[in-house]
PDB file of N, CA and C in Angstrom:
ATOM      1  N   MET A   1     -10.336   2.833  21.283  1.00  0.00           N
ATOM      2  CA  MET A   1      -9.170   3.444  21.892  1.00  0.00           C
ATOM      3  C   MET A   1      -7.961   3.253  20.981  1.00  0.00           C
ATOM      4  N   ALA A   2      -7.262   4.324  20.702  1.00  0.00           N
ATOM      5  CA  ALA A   2      -6.095   4.260  19.834  1.00  0.00           C
ATOM      6  C   ALA A   2      -4.915   3.657  20.583  1.00  0.00           C
ATOM      7  N   THR A   3      -4.131   2.890  19.884  1.00  0.00           N
ATOM      8  CA  THR A   3      -2.924   2.325  20.467  1.00  0.00           C
ATOM      9  C   THR A   3      -1.727   3.146  20.013  1.00  0.00           C
ATOM     10  N   ALA A   4      -0.588   2.889  20.618  1.00  0.00           N
ATOM     11  CA  ALA A   4       0.631   3.603  20.228  1.00  0.00           C
ATOM     12  C   ALA A   4       0.941   3.378  18.757  1.00  0.00           C
ATOM     13  N   TYR A   5       0.680   2.169  18.271  1.00  0.00           N
ATOM     14  CA  TYR A   5       0.951   1.873  16.864  1.00  0.00           C
ATOM     15  C   TYR A   5       0.091   2.719  15.939  1.00  0.00           C
ATOM     16  N   THR A   6      -1.192   2.836  16.244  1.00  0.00           N
ATOM     17  CA  THR A   6      -2.078   3.583  15.358  1.00  0.00           C
ATOM     18  C   THR A   6      -1.754   5.069  15.361  1.00  0.00           C
ATOM     19  N   GLU A   7      -1.127   5.550  16.402  1.00  0.00           N
ATOM     20  CA  GLU A   7      -0.771   6.962  16.470  1.00  0.00           C
ATOM     21  C   GLU A   7       0.647   7.240  15.976  1.00  0.00           C
ATOM     22  N   LEU A   8       1.394   6.206  15.695  1.00  0.00           N
ATOM     23  CA  LEU A   8       2.795   6.372  15.301  1.00  0.00           C
ATOM     24  C   LEU A   8       2.949   7.192  14.027  1.00  0.00           C
ATOM     25  N   PHE A   9       2.078   6.992  13.064  1.00  0.00           N
ATOM     26  CA  PHE A   9       2.185   7.686  11.781  1.00  0.00           C
ATOM     27  C   PHE A   9       1.026   8.654  11.570  1.00  0.00           C
ATOM     28  N   THR A  10       0.501   9.204  12.662  1.00  0.00           N
ATOM     29  CA  THR A  10      -0.636  10.104  12.612  1.00  0.00           C
ATOM     30  C   THR A  10      -0.156  11.539  12.455  1.00  0.00           C
ATOM     31  N   GLY A  11      -0.926  12.287  11.730  1.00  0.00           N
ATOM     32  CA  GLY A  11      -0.620  13.698  11.501  1.00  0.00           C
ATOM     33  C   GLY A  11      -0.273  13.926  10.044  1.00  0.00           C
ATOM     34  N   THR A  12      -0.810  14.993   9.492  1.00  0.00           N
ATOM     35  CA  THR A  12      -0.605  15.233   8.067  1.00  0.00           C
ATOM     36  C   THR A  12       0.857  15.508   7.733  1.00  0.00           C
ATOM     37  N   ALA A  13       1.580  16.211   8.609  1.00  0.00           N
ATOM     38  CA  ALA A  13       2.989  16.495   8.344  1.00  0.00           C
ATOM     39  C   ALA A  13       3.822  15.216   8.390  1.00  0.00           C
ATOM     40  N   ILE A  14       3.510  14.342   9.321  1.00  0.00           N
ATOM     41  CA  ILE A  14       4.234  13.071   9.425  1.00  0.00           C
ATOM     42  C   ILE A  14       3.939  12.205   8.210  1.00  0.00           C
ATOM     43  N   ALA A  15       2.693  12.155   7.799  1.00  0.00           N
ATOM     44  CA  ALA A  15       2.320  11.356   6.627  1.00  0.00           C
ATOM     45  C   ALA A  15       3.007  11.878   5.367  1.00  0.00           C
ATOM     46  N   ALA A  16       3.072  13.192   5.211  1.00  0.00           N
ATOM     47  CA  ALA A  16       3.744  13.775   4.040  1.00  0.00           C
ATOM     48  C   ALA A  16       5.239  13.456   4.054  1.00  0.00           C
ATOM     49  N   ALA A  17       5.860  13.552   5.222  1.00  0.00           N
ATOM     50  CA  ALA A  17       7.286  13.223   5.330  1.00  0.00           C
ATOM     51  C   ALA A  17       7.524  11.745   5.071  1.00  0.00           C
ATOM     52  N   TYR A  18       6.633  10.899   5.553  1.00  0.00           N
ATOM     53  CA  TYR A  18       6.751   9.458   5.334  1.00  0.00           C
ATOM     54  C   TYR A  18       6.701   9.150   3.836  1.00  0.00           C
ATOM     55  N   ARG A  19       5.757   9.751   3.131  1.00  0.00           N
ATOM     56  CA  ARG A  19       5.654   9.520   1.690  1.00  0.00           C
ATOM     57  C   ARG A  19       6.906  10.013   0.975  1.00  0.00           C
ATOM     58  N   LYS A  20       7.424  11.146   1.405  1.00  0.00           N
ATOM     59  CA  LYS A  20       8.570  11.752   0.733  1.00  0.00           C
ATOM     60  C   LYS A  20       9.868  10.984   0.979  1.00  0.00           C
ATOM     61  N   PHE A  21      10.079  10.502   2.204  1.00  0.00           N
ATOM     62  CA  PHE A  21      11.379   9.949   2.563  1.00  0.00           C
ATOM     63  C   PHE A  21      11.443   8.433   2.669  1.00  0.00           C
ATOM     64  N   ARG A  22      10.308   7.742   2.700  1.00  0.00           N
ATOM     65  CA  ARG A  22      10.330   6.278   2.791  1.00  0.00           C
ATOM     66  C   ARG A  22      10.858   5.715   1.483  1.00  0.00           C
ATOM     67  N   PRO A  23      11.836   4.815   1.567  1.00  0.00           N
ATOM     68  CA  PRO A  23      12.341   4.206   0.330  1.00  0.00           C
ATOM     69  C   PRO A  23      11.242   3.384  -0.347  1.00  0.00           C
ATOM     70  N   THR A  24      11.288   3.336  -1.665  1.00  0.00           N
ATOM     71  CA  THR A  24      10.322   2.507  -2.375  1.00  0.00           C
ATOM     72  C   THR A  24      10.728   1.042  -2.248  1.00  0.00           C
ATOM     73  N   CYS A  25       9.761   0.194  -2.471  1.00  0.00           N
ATOM     74  CA  CYS A  25      10.004  -1.245  -2.416  1.00  0.00           C
ATOM     75  C   CYS A  25      10.923  -1.626  -3.583  1.00  0.00           C
ATOM     76  N   PRO A  26      12.013  -2.331  -3.309  1.00  0.00           N
ATOM     77  CA  PRO A  26      12.902  -2.721  -4.405  1.00  0.00           C
ATOM     78  C   PRO A  26      12.173  -3.593  -5.424  1.00  0.00           C
ATOM     79  N   LYS A  27      12.451  -3.354  -6.695  1.00  0.00           N
ATOM     80  CA  LYS A  27      11.806  -4.133  -7.753  1.00  0.00           C
ATOM     81  C   LYS A  27      12.099  -5.620  -7.617  1.00  0.00           C
ATOM     82  N   GLU A  28      13.231  -5.967  -7.002  1.00  0.00           N
ATOM     83  CA  GLU A  28      13.566  -7.375  -6.790  1.00  0.00           C
ATOM     84  C   GLU A  28      12.561  -8.053  -5.854  1.00  0.00           C
ATOM     85  N   VAL A  29      12.050  -7.318  -4.904  1.00  0.00           N
ATOM     86  CA  VAL A  29      11.049  -7.872  -3.985  1.00  0.00           C
ATOM     87  C   VAL A  29       9.761  -8.170  -4.746  1.00  0.00           C
ATOM     88  N   ILE A  30       9.326  -7.232  -5.561  1.00  0.00           N
ATOM     89  CA  ILE A  30       8.121  -7.444  -6.365  1.00  0.00           C
ATOM     90  C   ILE A  30       8.341  -8.599  -7.340  1.00  0.00           C
ATOM     91  N   GLN A  31       9.525  -8.677  -7.910  1.00  0.00           N
ATOM     92  CA  GLN A  31       9.844  -9.776  -8.826  1.00  0.00           C
ATOM     93  C   GLN A  31       9.749 -11.124  -8.106  1.00  0.00           C
ATOM     94  N   ARG A  32      10.275 -11.202  -6.893  1.00  0.00           N
ATOM     95  CA  ARG A  32      10.186 -12.452  -6.113  1.00  0.00           C
ATOM     96  C   ARG A  32       8.738 -12.804  -5.801  1.00  0.00           C
ATOM     97  N   ILE A  33       7.943 -11.813  -5.472  1.00  0.00           N
ATOM     98  CA  ILE A  33       6.525 -12.052  -5.189  1.00  0.00           C
ATOM     99  C   ILE A  33       5.825 -12.598  -6.424  1.00  0.00           C
ATOM    100  N   THR A  34       6.027 -11.951  -7.557  1.00  0.00           N
ATOM    101  CA  THR A  34       5.346 -12.385  -8.772  1.00  0.00           C
ATOM    102  C   THR A  34       5.853 -13.742  -9.254  1.00  0.00           C
ATOM    103  N   GLU A  35       7.140 -14.026  -9.077  1.00  0.00           N
ATOM    104  CA  GLU A  35       7.663 -15.352  -9.431  1.00  0.00           C
ATOM    105  C   GLU A  35       7.014 -16.431  -8.565  1.00  0.00           C
ATOM    106  N   PHE A  36       6.900 -16.165  -7.279  1.00  0.00           N
ATOM    107  CA  PHE A  36       6.254 -17.116  -6.372  1.00  0.00           C
ATOM    108  C   PHE A  36       4.801 -17.349  -6.790  1.00  0.00           C
ATOM    109  N   LEU A  37       4.090 -16.263  -7.051  1.00  0.00           N
ATOM    110  CA  LEU A  37       2.693 -16.388  -7.455  1.00  0.00           C
ATOM    111  C   LEU A  37       2.552 -17.150  -8.771  1.00  0.00           C
ATOM    112  N   ASN A  38       3.460 -16.904  -9.700  1.00  0.00           N
ATOM    113  CA  ASN A  38       3.416 -17.619 -10.978  1.00  0.00           C
ATOM    114  C   ASN A  38       3.572 -19.117 -10.793  1.00  0.00           C
ATOM    115  N   CYS A  39       4.378 -19.518  -9.826  1.00  0.00           N
ATOM    116  CA  CYS A  39       4.549 -20.957  -9.545  1.00  0.00           C
ATOM    117  C   CYS A  39       3.263 -21.555  -8.987  1.00  0.00           C
ATOM    118  N   LYS A  40       2.554 -20.815  -8.193  1.00  0.00           N
ATOM    119  CA  LYS A  40       1.339 -21.301  -7.544  1.00  0.00           C
ATOM    120  C   LYS A  40       0.107 -21.146  -8.425  1.00  0.00           C
ATOM    121  N   ASN A  41       0.021 -20.019  -9.102  1.00  0.00           N
ATOM    122  CA  ASN A  41      -1.160 -19.691  -9.892  1.00  0.00           C
ATOM    123  C   ASN A  41      -0.755 -18.705 -10.987  1.00  0.00           C
ATOM    124  N   PRO A  42      -0.443 -19.219 -12.175  1.00  0.00           N
ATOM    125  CA  PRO A  42      -0.041 -18.305 -13.245  1.00  0.00           C
ATOM    126  C   PRO A  42      -1.108 -17.227 -13.475  1.00  0.00           C
ATOM    127  N   GLY A  43      -0.639 -16.003 -13.683  1.00  0.00           N
ATOM    128  CA  GLY A  43      -1.544 -14.869 -13.828  1.00  0.00           C
ATOM    129  C   GLY A  43      -2.442 -14.996 -15.030  1.00  0.00           C
ATOM    130  N   PRO A  44      -3.241 -14.006 -15.289  1.00  0.00           N
ATOM    131  CA  PRO A  44      -3.284 -12.730 -14.575  1.00  0.00           C
ATOM    132  C   PRO A  44      -3.948 -12.860 -13.199  1.00  0.00           C
ATOM    133  N   TRP A  45      -3.604 -11.944 -12.311  1.00  0.00           N
ATOM    134  CA  TRP A  45      -4.114 -11.975 -10.946  1.00  0.00           C
ATOM    135  C   TRP A  45      -5.137 -10.874 -10.758  1.00  0.00           C
ATOM    136  N   ASP A  46      -6.182 -11.206 -10.008  1.00  0.00           N
ATOM    137  CA  ASP A  46      -7.289 -10.276  -9.825  1.00  0.00           C
ATOM    138  C   ASP A  46      -7.054  -9.248  -8.727  1.00  0.00           C
ATOM    139  N   LEU A  47      -6.582  -9.705  -7.558  1.00  0.00           N
ATOM    140  CA  LEU A  47      -6.609  -8.836  -6.389  1.00  0.00           C
ATOM    141  C   LEU A  47      -5.361  -8.989  -5.530  1.00  0.00           C
ATOM    142  N   ALA A  48      -4.828  -7.844  -5.111  1.00  0.00           N
ATOM    143  CA  ALA A  48      -3.769  -7.805  -4.092  1.00  0.00           C
ATOM    144  C   ALA A  48      -4.235  -6.857  -2.997  1.00  0.00           C
ATOM    145  N   ILE A  49      -3.933  -7.211  -1.753  1.00  0.00           N
ATOM    146  CA  ILE A  49      -4.230  -6.338  -0.626  1.00  0.00           C
ATOM    147  C   ILE A  49      -2.915  -5.998   0.052  1.00  0.00           C
ATOM    148  N   ASP A  50      -2.609  -4.727   0.094  1.00  0.00           N
ATOM    149  CA  ASP A  50      -1.375  -4.229   0.703  1.00  0.00           C
ATOM    150  C   ASP A  50      -1.705  -3.815   2.138  1.00  0.00           C
ATOM    151  N   VAL A  51      -1.429  -4.702   3.072  1.00  0.00           N
ATOM    152  CA  VAL A  51      -1.744  -4.461   4.483  1.00  0.00           C
ATOM    153  C   VAL A  51      -0.651  -3.587   5.092  1.00  0.00           C
ATOM    154  N   GLY A  52      -1.062  -2.508   5.724  1.00  0.00           N
ATOM    155  CA  GLY A  52      -0.098  -1.557   6.273  1.00  0.00           C
ATOM    156  C   GLY A  52       0.536  -0.748   5.159  1.00  0.00           C
ATOM    157  N   CYS A  53      -0.283  -0.263   4.241  1.00  0.00           N
ATOM    158  CA  CYS A  53       0.205   0.361   3.003  1.00  0.00           C
ATOM    159  C   CYS A  53       0.842   1.728   3.213  1.00  0.00           C
ATOM    160  N   GLY A  54       0.619   2.359   4.356  1.00  0.00           N
ATOM    161  CA  GLY A  54       1.190   3.681   4.567  1.00  0.00           C
ATOM    162  C   GLY A  54       0.698   4.649   3.512  1.00  0.00           C
ATOM    163  N   ALA A  55       1.619   5.348   2.870  1.00  0.00           N
ATOM    164  CA  ALA A  55       1.267   6.337   1.847  1.00  0.00           C
ATOM    165  C   ALA A  55       1.161   5.725   0.454  1.00  0.00           C
ATOM    166  N   GLY A  56       1.149   4.404   0.371  1.00  0.00           N
ATOM    167  CA  GLY A  56       0.831   3.732  -0.882  1.00  0.00           C
ATOM    168  C   GLY A  56       1.965   3.455  -1.843  1.00  0.00           C
ATOM    169  N   GLN A  57       3.216   3.574  -1.404  1.00  0.00           N
ATOM    170  CA  GLN A  57       4.331   3.356  -2.323  1.00  0.00           C
ATOM    171  C   GLN A  57       4.301   1.952  -2.929  1.00  0.00           C
ATOM    172  N   SER A  58       4.170   0.937  -2.108  1.00  0.00           N
ATOM    173  CA  SER A  58       4.148  -0.443  -2.610  1.00  0.00           C
ATOM    174  C   SER A  58       2.826  -0.764  -3.298  1.00  0.00           C
ATOM    175  N   THR A  59       1.763  -0.136  -2.858  1.00  0.00           N
ATOM    176  CA  THR A  59       0.451  -0.359  -3.466  1.00  0.00           C
ATOM    177  C   THR A  59       0.510  -0.008  -4.950  1.00  0.00           C
ATOM    178  N   ARG A  60       1.114   1.130  -5.259  1.00  0.00           N
ATOM    179  CA  ARG A  60       1.224   1.556  -6.653  1.00  0.00           C
ATOM    180  C   ARG A  60       2.087   0.594  -7.465  1.00  0.00           C
ATOM    181  N   ILE A  61       3.161   0.098  -6.888  1.00  0.00           N
ATOM    182  CA  ILE A  61       4.022  -0.855  -7.605  1.00  0.00           C
ATOM    183  C   ILE A  61       3.259  -2.141  -7.895  1.00  0.00           C
ATOM    184  N   LEU A  62       2.492  -2.612  -6.928  1.00  0.00           N
ATOM    185  CA  LEU A  62       1.706  -3.837  -7.122  1.00  0.00           C
ATOM    186  C   LEU A  62       0.648  -3.666  -8.205  1.00  0.00           C
ATOM    187  N   SER A  63       0.202  -2.449  -8.438  1.00  0.00           N
ATOM    188  CA  SER A  63      -0.872  -2.206  -9.409  1.00  0.00           C
ATOM    189  C   SER A  63      -0.478  -2.602 -10.828  1.00  0.00           C
ATOM    190  N   GLU A  64       0.796  -2.695 -11.098  1.00  0.00           N
ATOM    191  CA  GLU A  64       1.271  -3.109 -12.425  1.00  0.00           C
ATOM    192  C   GLU A  64       1.009  -4.591 -12.676  1.00  0.00           C
ATOM    193  N   HIS A  65       0.761  -5.352 -11.609  1.00  0.00           N
ATOM    194  CA  HIS A  65       0.673  -6.803 -11.714  1.00  0.00           C
ATOM    195  C   HIS A  65      -0.705  -7.376 -11.377  1.00  0.00           C
ATOM    196  N   PHE A  66      -1.607  -6.552 -10.857  1.00  0.00           N
ATOM    197  CA  PHE A  66      -2.910  -7.026 -10.412  1.00  0.00           C
ATOM    198  C   PHE A  66      -4.018  -6.165 -11.018  1.00  0.00           C
ATOM    199  N   GLU A  67      -5.159  -6.797 -11.242  1.00  0.00           N
ATOM    200  CA  GLU A  67      -6.301  -6.063 -11.783  1.00  0.00           C
ATOM    201  C   GLU A  67      -6.784  -4.997 -10.799  1.00  0.00           C
ATOM    202  N   THR A  68      -6.804  -5.351  -9.502  1.00  0.00           N
ATOM    203  CA  THR A  68      -7.213  -4.425  -8.449  1.00  0.00           C
ATOM    204  C   THR A  68      -6.254  -4.554  -7.275  1.00  0.00           C
ATOM    205  N   VAL A  69      -5.868  -3.418  -6.702  1.00  0.00           N
ATOM    206  CA  VAL A  69      -5.025  -3.412  -5.509  1.00  0.00           C
ATOM    207  C   VAL A  69      -5.701  -2.524  -4.468  1.00  0.00           C
ATOM    208  N   ILE A  70      -5.840  -3.066  -3.269  1.00  0.00           N
ATOM    209  CA  ILE A  70      -6.431  -2.317  -2.160  1.00  0.00           C
ATOM    210  C   ILE A  70      -5.348  -2.105  -1.107  1.00  0.00           C
ATOM    211  N   GLY A  71      -5.075  -0.866  -0.807  1.00  0.00           N
ATOM    212  CA  GLY A  71      -4.146  -0.530   0.261  1.00  0.00           C
ATOM    213  C   GLY A  71      -4.919  -0.266   1.534  1.00  0.00           C
ATOM    214  N   CYS A  72      -4.562  -0.943   2.633  1.00  0.00           N
ATOM    215  CA  CYS A  72      -5.235  -0.779   3.933  1.00  0.00           C
ATOM    216  C   CYS A  72      -4.232  -0.282   4.962  1.00  0.00           C
ATOM    217  N   ASP A  73      -4.683   0.596   5.821  1.00  0.00           N
ATOM    218  CA  ASP A  73      -3.812   1.091   6.883  1.00  0.00           C
ATOM    219  C   ASP A  73      -4.659   1.546   8.064  1.00  0.00           C
ATOM    220  N   VAL A  74      -4.024   1.619   9.242  1.00  0.00           N
ATOM    221  CA  VAL A  74      -4.706   2.089  10.453  1.00  0.00           C
ATOM    222  C   VAL A  74      -4.590   3.603  10.616  1.00  0.00           C
ATOM    223  N   SER A  75      -3.815   4.242   9.749  1.00  0.00           N
ATOM    224  CA  SER A  75      -3.630   5.688   9.828  1.00  0.00           C
ATOM    225  C   SER A  75      -4.410   6.379   8.713  1.00  0.00           C
ATOM    226  N   ARG A  76      -5.433   7.104   9.101  1.00  0.00           N
ATOM    227  CA  ARG A  76      -6.216   7.857   8.110  1.00  0.00           C
ATOM    228  C   ARG A  76      -5.361   8.917   7.422  1.00  0.00           C
ATOM    229  N   ASP A  77      -4.415   9.491   8.155  1.00  0.00           N
ATOM    230  CA  ASP A  77      -3.537  10.506   7.563  1.00  0.00           C
ATOM    231  C   ASP A  77      -2.655   9.899   6.469  1.00  0.00           C
ATOM    232  N   GLN A  78      -2.141   8.707   6.702  1.00  0.00           N
ATOM    233  CA  GLN A  78      -1.339   8.036   5.665  1.00  0.00           C
ATOM    234  C   GLN A  78      -2.188   7.763   4.430  1.00  0.00           C
ATOM    235  N   LEU A  79      -3.416   7.304   4.647  1.00  0.00           N
ATOM    236  CA  LEU A  79      -4.300   7.012   3.516  1.00  0.00           C
ATOM    237  C   LEU A  79      -4.642   8.280   2.740  1.00  0.00           C
ATOM    238  N   GLN A  80      -4.866   9.382   3.440  1.00  0.00           N
ATOM    239  CA  GLN A  80      -5.134  10.652   2.763  1.00  0.00           C
ATOM    240  C   GLN A  80      -3.932  11.063   1.918  1.00  0.00           C
ATOM    241  N   GLU A  81      -2.744  10.843   2.449  1.00  0.00           N
ATOM    242  CA  GLU A  81      -1.526  11.167   1.705  1.00  0.00           C
ATOM    243  C   GLU A  81      -1.430  10.301   0.450  1.00  0.00           C
ATOM    244  N   ALA A  82      -1.754   9.030   0.570  1.00  0.00           N
ATOM    245  CA  ALA A  82      -1.733   8.131  -0.582  1.00  0.00           C
ATOM    246  C   ALA A  82      -2.731   8.586  -1.642  1.00  0.00           C
ATOM    247  N   LYS A  83      -3.895   8.995  -1.210  1.00  0.00           N
ATOM    248  CA  LYS A  83      -4.950   9.397  -2.152  1.00  0.00           C
ATOM    249  C   LYS A  83      -4.619  10.699  -2.877  1.00  0.00           C
ATOM    250  N   LYS A  84      -3.789  11.554  -2.274  1.00  0.00           N
ATOM    251  CA  LYS A  84      -3.438  12.840  -2.891  1.00  0.00           C
ATOM    252  C   LYS A  84      -2.776  12.661  -4.250  1.00  0.00           C
ATOM    253  N   THR A  85      -1.965  11.621  -4.372  1.00  0.00           N
ATOM    254  CA  THR A  85      -1.182  11.459  -5.601  1.00  0.00           C
ATOM    255  C   THR A  85      -1.655  10.275  -6.438  1.00  0.00           C
ATOM    256  N   GLU A  86      -2.745   9.658  -6.042  1.00  0.00           N
ATOM    257  CA  GLU A  86      -3.201   8.452  -6.743  1.00  0.00           C
ATOM    258  C   GLU A  86      -3.956   8.795  -8.009  1.00  0.00           C
ATOM    259  N   THR A  87      -3.483   8.258  -9.123  1.00  0.00           N
ATOM    260  CA  THR A  87      -4.145   8.459 -10.406  1.00  0.00           C
ATOM    261  C   THR A  87      -4.505   7.132 -11.070  1.00  0.00           C
ATOM    262  N   LEU A  88      -4.129   6.034 -10.468  1.00  0.00           N
ATOM    263  CA  LEU A  88      -4.372   4.721 -11.058  1.00  0.00           C
ATOM    264  C   LEU A  88      -5.799   4.263 -10.780  1.00  0.00           C
ATOM    265  N   ARG A  89      -6.473   3.817 -11.819  1.00  0.00           N
ATOM    266  CA  ARG A  89      -7.875   3.415 -11.663  1.00  0.00           C
ATOM    267  C   ARG A  89      -8.029   2.070 -10.969  1.00  0.00           C
ATOM    268  N   ASN A  90      -6.979   1.261 -10.922  1.00  0.00           N
ATOM    269  CA  ASN A  90      -7.104  -0.066 -10.308  1.00  0.00           C
ATOM    270  C   ASN A  90      -6.637  -0.087  -8.852  1.00  0.00           C
ATOM    271  N   VAL A  91      -6.438   1.078  -8.251  1.00  0.00           N
ATOM    272  CA  VAL A  91      -5.974   1.182  -6.859  1.00  0.00           C
ATOM    273  C   VAL A  91      -7.011   1.926  -6.034  1.00  0.00           C
ATOM    274  N   ARG A  92      -7.246   1.406  -4.835  1.00  0.00           N
ATOM    275  CA  ARG A  92      -8.062   2.138  -3.874  1.00  0.00           C
ATOM    276  C   ARG A  92      -7.481   1.923  -2.475  1.00  0.00           C
ATOM    277  N   TYR A  93      -7.871   2.804  -1.565  1.00  0.00           N
ATOM    278  CA  TYR A  93      -7.352   2.761  -0.201  1.00  0.00           C
ATOM    279  C   TYR A  93      -8.512   2.701   0.784  1.00  0.00           C
ATOM    280  N   ASP A  94      -8.353   1.845   1.797  1.00  0.00           N
ATOM    281  CA  ASP A  94      -9.375   1.677   2.807  1.00  0.00           C
ATOM    282  C   ASP A  94      -8.772   1.727   4.200  1.00  0.00           C
ATOM    283  N   PHE A  95      -9.472   2.365   5.102  1.00  0.00           N
ATOM    284  CA  PHE A  95      -9.087   2.412   6.508  1.00  0.00           C
ATOM    285  C   PHE A  95      -9.516   1.122   7.189  1.00  0.00           C
ATOM    286  N   SER A  96      -8.650   0.574   8.024  1.00  0.00           N
ATOM    287  CA  SER A  96      -9.008  -0.641   8.763  1.00  0.00           C
ATOM    288  C   SER A  96      -8.303  -0.660  10.101  1.00  0.00           C
ATOM    289  N   MET A  97      -9.084  -0.861  11.150  1.00  0.00           N
ATOM    290  CA  MET A  97      -8.518  -1.048  12.490  1.00  0.00           C
ATOM    291  C   MET A  97      -8.265  -2.517  12.773  1.00  0.00           C
ATOM    292  N   GLU A  98      -8.548  -3.383  11.815  1.00  0.00           N
ATOM    293  CA  GLU A  98      -8.420  -4.820  12.000  1.00  0.00           C
ATOM    294  C   GLU A  98      -7.052  -5.336  11.588  1.00  0.00           C
ATOM    295  N   LEU A  99      -6.103  -4.464  11.322  1.00  0.00           N
ATOM    296  CA  LEU A  99      -4.777  -4.900  10.881  1.00  0.00           C
ATOM    297  C   LEU A  99      -4.003  -5.545  11.987  1.00  0.00           C
TER     298      LEU A  99
END
């Protein structure tokens, strides 16, 4: 049974608008993440999982820092939108209702 959350970003038109108008993740946020990780475990890093990736904006940014990045979302439409523009070989998208 779908919940209100899983239906919030459903629909191809909504997913396309989300990809077009959602602000990208500020580079300062990614810098803070990588600085934190460097303190705990100096790179290179193998895997990042972007939970709730939407149309993949942050997933693509993370791909610069990880060998493999997996974007997961509960919206198949968002994932389809992410896959439309994906050209990076180290990125993939998976559907998950376990988020």
